[in-house]
């Protein structure tokens, strides 16, 4: 009998897992892209909402509010909503992760790194997006923000 297909065990293993690896790579690529789009979207929505309050923040500065008071005011509105969204997303991902079990190699379906870094990135994007307009208002003259509209 003639041996026609001679290969090493490593080559056989690589050939047998190529399809799963490419699927996992595409899944990771699209998950990263989705996270980046989510960060940009959260940043845009929160920054727009905070920028709409420029006049209000200028009036508060003119009336004697301290920078700490302004940041606290802006962040009190943003942090609970961001936490609620992050916790909802973690719960949904934790619940739906059992469907990805066949695609994961070397990690568990409830990977603590993935379940902490993604919500943390979105939470930080929302916090920075909310605080940035407040910092901008603090650097400008209150009279300019009052004449803004």
N, C-alpha and C. Protein backbone atom coordinates (compact mmCIF):
# COMPACT_ATOMS: atom_id res chain seq x y z
N UNK A 1 0.85 -1.18 0.00
CA UNK A 1 0.00 0.00 0.00
C UNK A 1 0.89 1.24 0.00
N UNK A 2 0.56 2.16 -0.86
CA UNK A 2 1.34 3.37 -1.01
C UNK A 2 0.79 4.44 -0.06
N UNK A 3 1.69 5.09 0.65
CA UNK A 3 1.30 6.19 1.54
C UNK A 3 1.37 7.47 0.73
N UNK A 4 0.22 8.13 0.58
CA UNK A 4 0.21 9.32 -0.28
C UNK A 4 0.18 10.63 0.50
N UNK A 5 -0.41 10.62 1.65
CA UNK A 5 -0.52 11.89 2.41
C UNK A 5 0.25 11.75 3.71
N UNK A 6 1.49 12.15 3.68
CA UNK A 6 2.32 12.09 4.87
C UNK A 6 2.37 13.49 5.47
N UNK A 7 2.05 13.59 6.75
CA UNK A 7 2.13 14.88 7.43
C UNK A 7 2.36 14.66 8.92
N UNK A 8 2.77 15.72 9.57
CA UNK A 8 3.03 15.62 11.00
C UNK A 8 1.73 15.76 11.78
N UNK A 9 1.81 15.40 13.04
CA UNK A 9 0.63 15.52 13.91
C UNK A 9 0.22 16.98 14.08
N UNK A 10 1.22 17.85 14.18
CA UNK A 10 0.91 19.29 14.29
C UNK A 10 0.17 19.79 13.05
N UNK A 11 0.58 19.32 11.87
CA UNK A 11 -0.09 19.74 10.64
C UNK A 11 -1.52 19.21 10.59
N UNK A 12 -1.74 17.99 11.03
CA UNK A 12 -3.10 17.44 11.06
C UNK A 12 -3.99 18.22 12.03
N UNK A 13 -3.44 18.58 13.18
CA UNK A 13 -4.21 19.35 14.15
C UNK A 13 -4.54 20.73 13.60
N UNK A 14 -3.56 21.37 12.96
CA UNK A 14 -3.79 22.69 12.38
C UNK A 14 -4.86 22.63 11.30
N UNK A 15 -4.78 21.62 10.46
CA UNK A 15 -5.78 21.47 9.39
C UNK A 15 -7.18 21.24 9.94
N UNK A 16 -7.27 20.52 11.05
CA UNK A 16 -8.60 20.20 11.59
C UNK A 16 -9.23 21.38 12.34
N UNK A 17 -8.43 22.32 12.79
CA UNK A 17 -8.98 23.46 13.54
C UNK A 17 -8.95 24.77 12.77
N UNK A 18 -8.59 24.74 11.50
CA UNK A 18 -8.50 25.97 10.72
C UNK A 18 -9.84 26.68 10.63
N UNK A 19 -10.90 25.96 10.39
CA UNK A 19 -12.22 26.58 10.25
C UNK A 19 -12.66 27.25 11.55
N UNK A 20 -12.47 26.58 12.68
CA UNK A 20 -12.85 27.16 13.96
C UNK A 20 -11.99 28.38 14.29
N UNK A 21 -10.71 28.30 13.96
CA UNK A 21 -9.82 29.44 14.24
C UNK A 21 -10.20 30.66 13.41
N UNK A 22 -10.52 30.45 12.14
CA UNK A 22 -10.88 31.60 11.31
C UNK A 22 -12.22 32.20 11.78
N UNK A 23 -13.13 31.35 12.19
CA UNK A 23 -14.40 31.85 12.73
C UNK A 23 -14.18 32.62 14.02
N UNK A 24 -13.33 32.09 14.89
CA UNK A 24 -13.03 32.79 16.14
C UNK A 24 -12.31 34.11 15.88
N UNK A 25 -11.41 34.13 14.89
CA UNK A 25 -10.72 35.38 14.55
C UNK A 25 -11.70 36.42 14.04
N UNK A 26 -12.60 36.01 13.15
CA UNK A 26 -13.60 36.96 12.64
C UNK A 26 -14.53 37.44 13.75
N UNK A 27 -14.89 36.54 14.65
CA UNK A 27 -15.73 36.93 15.78
C UNK A 27 -15.02 37.95 16.66
N UNK A 28 -13.75 37.72 16.94
CA UNK A 28 -12.97 38.67 17.74
C UNK A 28 -12.81 40.00 17.02
N UNK A 29 -12.59 39.96 15.72
CA UNK A 29 -12.45 41.18 14.94
C UNK A 29 -13.73 42.01 14.97
N UNK A 30 -14.86 41.36 14.73
CA UNK A 30 -16.13 42.08 14.74
C UNK A 30 -16.53 42.52 16.14
N UNK A 31 -16.17 41.75 17.16
CA UNK A 31 -16.43 42.17 18.54
C UNK A 31 -15.63 43.41 18.89
N UNK A 32 -14.38 43.47 18.45
CA UNK A 32 -13.55 44.65 18.69
C UNK A 32 -14.10 45.85 17.94
N UNK A 33 -14.50 45.63 16.71
CA UNK A 33 -15.11 46.72 15.93
C UNK A 33 -16.41 47.19 16.57
N UNK A 34 -17.21 46.25 17.05
CA UNK A 34 -18.45 46.61 17.75
C UNK A 34 -18.19 47.40 19.01
N UNK A 35 -17.16 47.01 19.77
CA UNK A 35 -16.81 47.75 20.98
C UNK A 35 -16.36 49.16 20.63
N UNK A 36 -15.54 49.29 19.58
CA UNK A 36 -15.08 50.63 19.17
C UNK A 36 -16.26 51.49 18.73
N UNK A 37 -17.19 50.93 17.97
CA UNK A 37 -18.37 51.69 17.55
C UNK A 37 -19.25 52.06 18.74
N UNK A 38 -19.36 51.15 19.70
CA UNK A 38 -20.14 51.45 20.89
C UNK A 38 -19.51 52.58 21.70
N UNK A 39 -18.19 52.56 21.81
CA UNK A 39 -17.50 53.63 22.54
C UNK A 39 -17.71 54.97 21.85
N UNK A 40 -17.57 54.99 20.53
CA UNK A 40 -17.79 56.24 19.78
C UNK A 40 -19.23 56.70 19.91
N UNK A 41 -20.17 55.78 19.84
CA UNK A 41 -21.59 56.13 19.97
C UNK A 41 -21.94 56.66 21.34
N UNK A 42 -21.47 55.98 22.39
CA UNK A 42 -21.73 56.44 23.75
C UNK A 42 -21.10 57.80 23.97
N UNK A 43 -19.88 57.95 23.49
CA UNK A 43 -19.19 59.23 23.65
C UNK A 43 -19.97 60.34 22.94
N UNK A 44 -20.42 60.08 21.72
CA UNK A 44 -21.15 61.10 20.97
C UNK A 44 -22.46 61.51 21.62
N UNK A 45 -23.23 60.55 22.07
CA UNK A 45 -24.52 60.85 22.68
C UNK A 45 -24.34 61.61 23.99
N UNK A 46 -23.44 61.12 24.83
CA UNK A 46 -23.24 61.76 26.13
C UNK A 46 -22.61 63.14 25.98
N UNK A 47 -21.66 63.27 25.06
CA UNK A 47 -21.02 64.57 24.85
C UNK A 47 -22.03 65.58 24.30
N UNK A 48 -22.90 65.15 23.42
CA UNK A 48 -23.92 66.05 22.89
C UNK A 48 -24.88 66.50 23.99
N UNK A 49 -25.26 65.55 24.82
CA UNK A 49 -26.17 65.89 25.93
C UNK A 49 -25.50 66.86 26.91
N UNK A 50 -24.25 66.64 27.20
CA UNK A 50 -23.54 67.52 28.12
C UNK A 50 -23.26 68.88 27.48
N UNK A 51 -22.99 68.90 26.18
CA UNK A 51 -22.73 70.17 25.50
C UNK A 51 -23.98 71.03 25.44
N UNK A 52 -25.16 70.42 25.44
CA UNK A 52 -26.40 71.19 25.46
C UNK A 52 -26.57 71.96 26.75
N UNK A 53 -25.84 71.57 27.78
CA UNK A 53 -25.95 72.22 29.09
C UNK A 53 -24.92 73.34 29.27
N UNK A 54 -24.26 73.76 28.21
CA UNK A 54 -23.22 74.78 28.32
C UNK A 54 -23.76 76.06 28.94
N UNK A 55 -24.90 76.50 28.48
CA UNK A 55 -25.48 77.73 29.01
C UNK A 55 -25.82 77.59 30.49
N UNK A 56 -26.43 76.46 30.85
CA UNK A 56 -26.78 76.22 32.25
C UNK A 56 -25.52 76.23 33.14
N UNK A 57 -24.48 75.57 32.67
CA UNK A 57 -23.25 75.53 33.46
C UNK A 57 -22.61 76.92 33.56
N UNK A 58 -22.70 77.70 32.49
CA UNK A 58 -22.20 79.08 32.54
C UNK A 58 -22.96 79.92 33.56
N UNK A 59 -24.27 79.75 33.62
CA UNK A 59 -25.08 80.48 34.61
C UNK A 59 -24.69 80.04 36.02
N UNK A 60 -24.47 78.77 36.20
CA UNK A 60 -24.07 78.28 37.53
C UNK A 60 -22.71 78.86 37.95
N UNK A 61 -21.78 78.95 36.99
CA UNK A 61 -20.48 79.56 37.31
C UNK A 61 -20.66 81.02 37.67
N UNK A 62 -21.49 81.72 36.90
CA UNK A 62 -21.72 83.14 37.16
C UNK A 62 -22.35 83.36 38.53
N UNK A 63 -23.14 82.40 38.98
CA UNK A 63 -23.78 82.52 40.29
C UNK A 63 -22.90 82.03 41.43
N UNK A 64 -21.70 81.53 41.10
CA UNK A 64 -20.76 81.17 42.15
C UNK A 64 -20.52 79.70 42.38
N UNK A 65 -20.92 78.85 41.46
CA UNK A 65 -20.68 77.42 41.62
C UNK A 65 -19.18 77.13 41.48
N UNK A 66 -18.70 76.22 42.25
CA UNK A 66 -17.29 75.83 42.17
C UNK A 66 -17.10 74.77 41.10
N UNK A 67 -15.89 74.59 40.61
CA UNK A 67 -15.65 73.55 39.61
C UNK A 67 -16.04 72.15 40.10
N UNK A 68 -15.82 71.89 41.38
CA UNK A 68 -16.20 70.60 41.94
C UNK A 68 -17.71 70.41 41.88
N UNK A 69 -18.45 71.47 42.19
CA UNK A 69 -19.91 71.39 42.12
C UNK A 69 -20.40 71.08 40.71
N UNK A 70 -19.78 71.73 39.71
CA UNK A 70 -20.19 71.50 38.33
C UNK A 70 -19.90 70.07 37.88
N UNK A 71 -18.70 69.60 38.18
CA UNK A 71 -18.36 68.24 37.78
C UNK A 71 -19.26 67.22 38.48
N UNK A 72 -19.54 67.45 39.75
CA UNK A 72 -20.42 66.56 40.49
C UNK A 72 -21.82 66.55 39.87
N UNK A 73 -22.30 67.72 39.51
CA UNK A 73 -23.62 67.83 38.90
C UNK A 73 -23.70 67.06 37.59
N UNK A 74 -22.69 67.24 36.75
CA UNK A 74 -22.69 66.57 35.44
C UNK A 74 -22.53 65.07 35.60
N UNK A 75 -21.64 64.65 36.49
CA UNK A 75 -21.38 63.21 36.64
C UNK A 75 -22.50 62.49 37.37
N UNK A 76 -23.25 63.20 38.23
CA UNK A 76 -24.39 62.56 38.91
C UNK A 76 -25.46 62.14 37.92
N UNK A 77 -25.54 62.84 36.83
CA UNK A 77 -26.53 62.50 35.81
C UNK A 77 -26.03 61.37 34.92
N UNK A 78 -24.74 61.30 34.69
CA UNK A 78 -24.20 60.35 33.73
C UNK A 78 -23.86 58.99 34.34
N UNK A 79 -23.29 58.98 35.52
CA UNK A 79 -22.79 57.73 36.11
C UNK A 79 -23.89 56.70 36.35
N UNK A 80 -25.05 57.04 36.91
CA UNK A 80 -26.07 55.99 37.10
C UNK A 80 -26.55 55.37 35.78
N UNK A 81 -26.71 56.19 34.76
CA UNK A 81 -27.16 55.66 33.47
C UNK A 81 -26.07 54.77 32.86
N UNK A 82 -24.82 55.19 32.98
CA UNK A 82 -23.71 54.39 32.44
C UNK A 82 -23.59 53.06 33.18
N UNK A 83 -23.72 53.09 34.48
CA UNK A 83 -23.65 51.85 35.26
C UNK A 83 -24.80 50.91 34.91
N UNK A 84 -25.99 51.47 34.77
CA UNK A 84 -27.14 50.64 34.41
C UNK A 84 -26.94 49.99 33.04
N UNK A 85 -26.45 50.76 32.09
CA UNK A 85 -26.18 50.21 30.75
C UNK A 85 -25.09 49.15 30.77
N UNK A 86 -24.03 49.40 31.53
CA UNK A 86 -22.94 48.43 31.62
C UNK A 86 -23.40 47.13 32.27
N UNK A 87 -24.16 47.25 33.34
CA UNK A 87 -24.64 46.05 34.02
C UNK A 87 -25.63 45.27 33.17
N UNK A 88 -26.46 45.97 32.44
CA UNK A 88 -27.39 45.29 31.53
C UNK A 88 -26.64 44.56 30.44
N UNK A 89 -25.62 45.20 29.89
CA UNK A 89 -24.81 44.56 28.86
C UNK A 89 -24.06 43.35 29.37
N UNK A 90 -23.51 43.44 30.58
CA UNK A 90 -22.80 42.30 31.17
C UNK A 90 -23.76 41.14 31.40
N UNK A 91 -24.94 41.44 31.91
CA UNK A 91 -25.94 40.38 32.14
C UNK A 91 -26.34 39.71 30.83
N UNK A 92 -26.59 40.51 29.79
CA UNK A 92 -26.97 39.94 28.50
C UNK A 92 -25.84 39.11 27.90
N UNK A 93 -24.60 39.61 28.00
CA UNK A 93 -23.47 38.86 27.46
C UNK A 93 -23.24 37.58 28.24
N UNK A 94 -23.39 37.64 29.55
CA UNK A 94 -23.21 36.45 30.38
C UNK A 94 -24.27 35.40 30.04
N UNK A 95 -25.48 35.85 29.81
CA UNK A 95 -26.57 34.94 29.49
C UNK A 95 -26.39 34.30 28.11
N UNK A 96 -25.95 35.09 27.14
CA UNK A 96 -25.85 34.60 25.77
C UNK A 96 -24.51 33.93 25.45
N UNK A 97 -23.56 33.98 26.38
CA UNK A 97 -22.23 33.45 26.08
C UNK A 97 -22.20 31.93 25.95
N UNK A 98 -23.20 31.24 26.44
CA UNK A 98 -23.20 29.77 26.32
C UNK A 98 -23.31 29.33 24.86
N UNK A 99 -23.81 30.19 23.99
CA UNK A 99 -23.92 29.86 22.58
C UNK A 99 -22.58 29.95 21.86
N UNK A 100 -21.58 30.57 22.48
CA UNK A 100 -20.26 30.71 21.88
C UNK A 100 -19.29 29.65 22.35
N UNK A 101 -19.72 28.73 23.16
CA UNK A 101 -18.83 27.75 23.78
C UNK A 101 -18.05 26.95 22.75
N UNK A 102 -18.65 26.61 21.62
CA UNK A 102 -17.97 25.79 20.62
C UNK A 102 -16.88 26.57 19.88
N UNK A 103 -16.89 27.88 19.95
CA UNK A 103 -15.91 28.69 19.23
C UNK A 103 -14.70 29.09 20.08
N UNK A 104 -14.75 28.86 21.37
CA UNK A 104 -13.70 29.35 22.26
C UNK A 104 -12.66 28.26 22.53
N UNK A 105 -11.40 28.63 22.40
CA UNK A 105 -10.29 27.73 22.66
C UNK A 105 -9.40 28.35 23.72
N UNK A 106 -9.19 27.66 24.81
CA UNK A 106 -8.25 28.12 25.82
C UNK A 106 -8.81 29.10 26.83
N UNK A 107 -10.05 29.52 26.67
CA UNK A 107 -10.69 30.40 27.65
C UNK A 107 -12.08 29.86 27.96
N UNK A 108 -12.61 30.32 29.05
CA UNK A 108 -13.96 29.88 29.42
C UNK A 108 -14.99 30.81 28.80
N UNK A 109 -16.23 30.38 28.81
CA UNK A 109 -17.29 31.23 28.23
C UNK A 109 -17.57 32.43 29.11
N UNK A 110 -17.19 32.37 30.35
CA UNK A 110 -17.39 33.50 31.27
C UNK A 110 -16.03 34.08 31.64
N UNK A 111 -15.30 34.55 30.63
CA UNK A 111 -13.96 35.08 30.81
C UNK A 111 -14.02 36.39 31.60
N UNK A 112 -13.39 36.46 32.77
CA UNK A 112 -13.48 37.67 33.58
C UNK A 112 -12.83 38.89 32.91
N UNK A 113 -11.82 38.68 32.10
CA UNK A 113 -11.18 39.81 31.43
C UNK A 113 -12.13 40.49 30.45
N UNK A 114 -12.84 39.70 29.66
CA UNK A 114 -13.78 40.26 28.70
C UNK A 114 -14.97 40.91 29.39
N UNK A 115 -15.40 40.32 30.50
CA UNK A 115 -16.57 40.84 31.20
C UNK A 115 -16.25 42.06 32.07
N UNK A 116 -14.99 42.42 32.18
CA UNK A 116 -14.64 43.64 32.92
C UNK A 116 -14.12 44.74 32.01
N UNK A 117 -13.32 44.40 31.02
CA UNK A 117 -12.70 45.43 30.18
C UNK A 117 -13.70 46.15 29.27
N UNK A 118 -14.61 45.41 28.66
CA UNK A 118 -15.57 46.05 27.75
C UNK A 118 -16.51 47.01 28.48
N UNK A 119 -17.16 46.60 29.57
CA UNK A 119 -18.01 47.56 30.28
C UNK A 119 -17.21 48.72 30.88
N UNK A 120 -15.99 48.44 31.32
CA UNK A 120 -15.16 49.50 31.87
C UNK A 120 -14.81 50.53 30.79
N UNK A 121 -14.51 50.06 29.58
CA UNK A 121 -14.19 50.98 28.48
C UNK A 121 -15.40 51.85 28.14
N UNK A 122 -16.58 51.25 28.10
CA UNK A 122 -17.79 52.04 27.80
C UNK A 122 -18.10 53.02 28.93
N UNK A 123 -17.93 52.59 30.17
CA UNK A 123 -18.18 53.46 31.31
C UNK A 123 -17.21 54.64 31.32
N UNK A 124 -15.94 54.38 31.05
CA UNK A 124 -14.96 55.47 31.00
C UNK A 124 -15.24 56.42 29.84
N UNK A 125 -15.67 55.89 28.70
CA UNK A 125 -16.00 56.76 27.57
C UNK A 125 -17.16 57.68 27.92
N UNK A 126 -18.18 57.16 28.60
CA UNK A 126 -19.32 57.99 29.00
C UNK A 126 -18.91 59.02 30.04
N UNK A 127 -18.08 58.64 30.99
CA UNK A 127 -17.65 59.58 32.03
C UNK A 127 -16.81 60.70 31.45
N UNK A 128 -15.88 60.36 30.59
CA UNK A 128 -15.03 61.38 29.97
C UNK A 128 -15.86 62.28 29.07
N UNK A 129 -16.80 61.69 28.33
CA UNK A 129 -17.64 62.49 27.45
C UNK A 129 -18.53 63.45 28.23
N UNK A 130 -18.94 63.08 29.42
CA UNK A 130 -19.77 63.96 30.23
C UNK A 130 -18.95 65.04 30.90
N UNK A 131 -17.75 64.71 31.33
CA UNK A 131 -16.93 65.67 32.06
C UNK A 131 -16.25 66.67 31.12
N UNK A 132 -16.00 66.29 29.88
CA UNK A 132 -15.26 67.16 28.97
C UNK A 132 -15.94 68.52 28.75
N UNK A 133 -17.25 68.59 28.45
CA UNK A 133 -17.87 69.91 28.29
C UNK A 133 -17.84 70.73 29.57
N UNK A 134 -17.93 70.08 30.72
CA UNK A 134 -17.84 70.82 31.98
C UNK A 134 -16.46 71.43 32.14
N UNK A 135 -15.41 70.72 31.79
CA UNK A 135 -14.06 71.28 31.83
C UNK A 135 -13.91 72.43 30.86
N UNK A 136 -14.53 72.31 29.68
CA UNK A 136 -14.48 73.39 28.70
C UNK A 136 -15.15 74.65 29.23
N UNK A 137 -16.30 74.48 29.88
CA UNK A 137 -17.01 75.63 30.43
C UNK A 137 -16.20 76.28 31.54
N UNK A 138 -15.50 75.47 32.32
CA UNK A 138 -14.70 76.02 33.42
C UNK A 138 -13.55 76.88 32.92
N UNK A 139 -13.05 76.60 31.72
CA UNK A 139 -11.94 77.37 31.18
C UNK A 139 -12.38 78.65 30.49
N UNK A 140 -13.67 78.78 30.19
CA UNK A 140 -14.14 79.96 29.47
C UNK A 140 -14.74 80.97 30.43
N UNK A 141 -14.90 82.15 29.93
CA UNK A 141 -15.52 83.22 30.70
C UNK A 141 -17.01 82.95 30.80
N UNK A 142 -17.60 83.09 32.01
CA UNK A 142 -19.06 82.83 32.14
C UNK A 142 -19.90 83.73 31.24
N UNK A 143 -19.42 84.93 30.97
CA UNK A 143 -20.19 85.82 30.10
C UNK A 143 -20.30 85.26 28.69
N UNK A 144 -19.26 84.60 28.21
CA UNK A 144 -19.32 84.01 26.86
C UNK A 144 -20.34 82.88 26.81
N UNK A 145 -20.40 82.05 27.86
CA UNK A 145 -21.37 80.97 27.83
C UNK A 145 -22.79 81.51 28.00
N UNK A 146 -22.95 82.64 28.64
CA UNK A 146 -24.28 83.22 28.77
C UNK A 146 -24.76 83.79 27.43
N UNK A 147 -23.83 84.28 26.60
CA UNK A 147 -24.18 84.82 25.29
C UNK A 147 -24.13 83.76 24.21
N UNK A 148 -23.97 82.50 24.60
CA UNK A 148 -23.76 81.40 23.66
C UNK A 148 -24.88 81.28 22.64
N UNK A 149 -26.12 81.39 23.02
CA UNK A 149 -27.23 81.23 22.07
C UNK A 149 -27.54 82.55 21.48
